Amino acid sequence: MWLGTMQDDVVEALLRAAAGRLVLLYLPTYSPWLNPIEMLWRHLRRVVTHCELFETMTALHQPVQDFFARCNHGEYDVRAVIGANP
């Protein structure tokens, strides 16, 4: 049996078991405005990489780490950035 088919069967069984408790929302094929992580990536690009040129991946690594450290310490309200109700 092809792995994809087996996974499909498992997912279908889980969905049947959760009938009435689980609602599936089908998204358009490309819908970054509906995907919260896309909002966070966009904010990261605005804060870290906008109008910046990093010569190497190593040079980019520290500013990205600093950005997420600031997120973790509450400098950015991540819920607001991703469009969630705080």
C-alpha atoms as a PDB file:
ATOM      1  CA  MET A   1       0.000   0.000   0.000  1.00  0.00           C
ATOM      2  CA  TRP A   2       1.287   3.464  -0.899  1.00  0.00           C
ATOM      3  CA  LEU A   3       2.123   5.498   2.217  1.00  0.00           C
ATOM      4  CA  GLY A   4      -0.032   8.450   1.145  1.00  0.00           C
ATOM      5  CA  THR A   5      -3.101   6.223   0.850  1.00  0.00           C
ATOM      6  CA  MET A   6      -2.464   4.714   4.269  1.00  0.00           C
ATOM      7  CA  GLN A   7      -2.141   8.194   5.797  1.00  0.00           C
ATOM      8  CA  ASP A   8      -5.332   9.272   4.039  1.00  0.00           C
ATOM      9  CA  ASP A   9      -7.159   6.298   5.549  1.00  0.00           C
ATOM     10  CA  VAL A  10      -5.881   7.145   9.040  1.00  0.00           C
ATOM     11  CA  VAL A  11      -6.925  10.788   8.699  1.00  0.00           C
ATOM     12  CA  GLU A  12     -10.327   9.791   7.366  1.00  0.00           C
ATOM     13  CA  ALA A  13     -10.850   7.427  10.323  1.00  0.00           C
ATOM     14  CA  LEU A  14      -9.909  10.188  12.779  1.00  0.00           C
ATOM     15  CA  LEU A  15     -12.320  12.587  11.118  1.00  0.00           C
ATOM     16  CA  ARG A  16     -15.153  10.081  11.318  1.00  0.00           C
ATOM     17  CA  ALA A  17     -14.396   9.453  15.003  1.00  0.00           C
ATOM     18  CA  ALA A  18     -14.509  13.197  15.706  1.00  0.00           C
ATOM     19  CA  ALA A  19     -17.739  13.829  13.772  1.00  0.00           C
ATOM     20  CA  GLY A  20     -19.677  16.637  15.397  1.00  0.00           C
ATOM     21  CA  ARG A  21     -16.702  17.784  17.470  1.00  0.00           C
ATOM     22  CA  LEU A  22     -14.387  18.794  14.666  1.00  0.00           C
ATOM     23  CA  VAL A  23     -15.059  21.242  11.882  1.00  0.00           C
ATOM     24  CA  LEU A  24     -12.740  21.341   8.899  1.00  0.00           C
ATOM     25  CA  LEU A  25     -12.167  24.669   7.238  1.00  0.00           C
ATOM     26  CA  TYR A  26     -10.783  24.362   3.748  1.00  0.00           C
ATOM     27  CA  LEU A  27      -8.489  27.210   2.788  1.00  0.00           C
ATOM     28  CA  PRO A  28      -7.697  28.425  -0.698  1.00  0.00           C
ATOM     29  CA  THR A  29      -4.571  26.895  -2.188  1.00  0.00           C
ATOM     30  CA  TYR A  30      -2.537  30.021  -1.523  1.00  0.00           C
ATOM     31  CA  SER A  31      -3.851  32.119   1.361  1.00  0.00           C
ATOM     32  CA  PRO A  32      -1.006  33.598   3.445  1.00  0.00           C
ATOM     33  CA  TRP A  33      -3.368  36.151   5.010  1.00  0.00           C
ATOM     34  CA  LEU A  34      -5.209  33.245   6.675  1.00  0.00           C
ATOM     35  CA  ASN A  35      -2.069  31.569   8.007  1.00  0.00           C
ATOM     36  CA  PRO A  36      -0.836  33.184  11.264  1.00  0.00           C
ATOM     37  CA  ILE A  37       2.790  32.142  10.810  1.00  0.00           C
ATOM     38  CA  GLU A  38       2.903  34.069   7.539  1.00  0.00           C
ATOM     39  CA  MET A  39       2.035  37.238   9.461  1.00  0.00           C
ATOM     40  CA  LEU A  40       4.916  36.598  11.859  1.00  0.00           C
ATOM     41  CA  TRP A  41       7.343  35.977   8.968  1.00  0.00           C
ATOM     42  CA  ARG A  42       6.213  39.230   7.354  1.00  0.00           C
ATOM     43  CA  HIS A  43       6.837  41.101  10.612  1.00  0.00           C
ATOM     44  CA  LEU A  44      10.277  39.464  10.926  1.00  0.00           C
ATOM     45  CA  ARG A  45      11.136  40.579   7.397  1.00  0.00           C
ATOM     46  CA  ARG A  46      10.024  44.151   8.165  1.00  0.00           C
ATOM     47  CA  VAL A  47      12.005  44.325  11.400  1.00  0.00           C
ATOM     48  CA  VAL A  48      15.112  42.313  10.497  1.00  0.00           C
ATOM     49  CA  THR A  49      15.729  42.174   6.765  1.00  0.00           C
ATOM     50  CA  HIS A  50      13.961  45.201   5.252  1.00  0.00           C
ATOM     51  CA  CYS A  51      16.557  47.261   3.361  1.00  0.00           C
ATOM     52  CA  GLU A  52      19.369  45.150   4.826  1.00  0.00           C
ATOM     53  CA  LEU A  53      21.949  43.090   3.000  1.00  0.00           C
ATOM     54  CA  PHE A  54      23.503  40.206   4.891  1.00  0.00           C
ATOM     55  CA  GLU A  55      26.666  38.936   3.289  1.00  0.00           C
ATOM     56  CA  THR A  56      26.314  35.455   4.775  1.00  0.00           C
ATOM     57  CA  MET A  57      23.719  33.291   6.485  1.00  0.00           C
ATOM     58  CA  THR A  58      25.850  33.568   9.612  1.00  0.00           C
ATOM     59  CA  ALA A  59      25.453  37.355   9.539  1.00  0.00           C
ATOM     60  CA  LEU A  60      21.654  36.954   9.265  1.00  0.00           C
ATOM     61  CA  HIS A  61      21.454  34.357  12.020  1.00  0.00           C
ATOM     62  CA  GLN A  62      22.068  36.673  14.991  1.00  0.00           C
ATOM     63  CA  PRO A  63      19.497  39.361  14.039  1.00  0.00           C
ATOM     64  CA  VAL A  64      16.872  36.633  13.557  1.00  0.00           C
ATOM     65  CA  GLN A  65      17.729  35.118  16.937  1.00  0.00           C
ATOM     66  CA  ASP A  66      17.504  38.574  18.521  1.00  0.00           C
ATOM     67  CA  PHE A  67      14.079  39.107  16.929  1.00  0.00           C
ATOM     68  CA  PHE A  68      12.706  35.886  18.405  1.00  0.00           C
ATOM     69  CA  ALA A  69      14.293  36.638  21.775  1.00  0.00           C
ATOM     70  CA  ARG A  70      12.437  39.971  21.774  1.00  0.00           C
ATOM     71  CA  CYS A  71       9.233  38.123  20.869  1.00  0.00           C
ATOM     72  CA  ASN A  72       9.760  35.719  23.763  1.00  0.00           C
ATOM     73  CA  HIS A  73      10.364  38.580  26.207  1.00  0.00           C
ATOM     74  CA  GLY A  74       7.207  40.407  25.165  1.00  0.00           C
ATOM     75  CA  GLU A  75       8.731  43.281  23.211  1.00  0.00           C
ATOM     76  CA  TYR A  76       6.400  42.335  20.361  1.00  0.00           C
ATOM     77  CA  ASP A  77       2.855  41.255  21.089  1.00  0.00           C
ATOM     78  CA  VAL A  78       2.965  38.196  18.845  1.00  0.00           C
ATOM     79  CA  ARG A  79      -0.801  37.709  19.137  1.00  0.00           C
ATOM     80  CA  ALA A  80      -1.341  41.182  17.708  1.00  0.00           C
ATOM     81  CA  VAL A  81       1.255  40.576  14.967  1.00  0.00           C
ATOM     82  CA  ILE A  82      -0.506  37.396  13.798  1.00  0.00           C
ATOM     83  CA  GLY A  83      -3.960  38.954  14.015  1.00  0.00           C
ATOM     84  CA  ALA A  84      -5.183  36.993  17.030  1.00  0.00           C
ATOM     85  CA  ASN A  85      -7.286  38.637  19.700  1.00  0.00           C
ATOM     86  CA  PRO A  86      -5.056  39.300  22.713  1.00  0.00           C
END
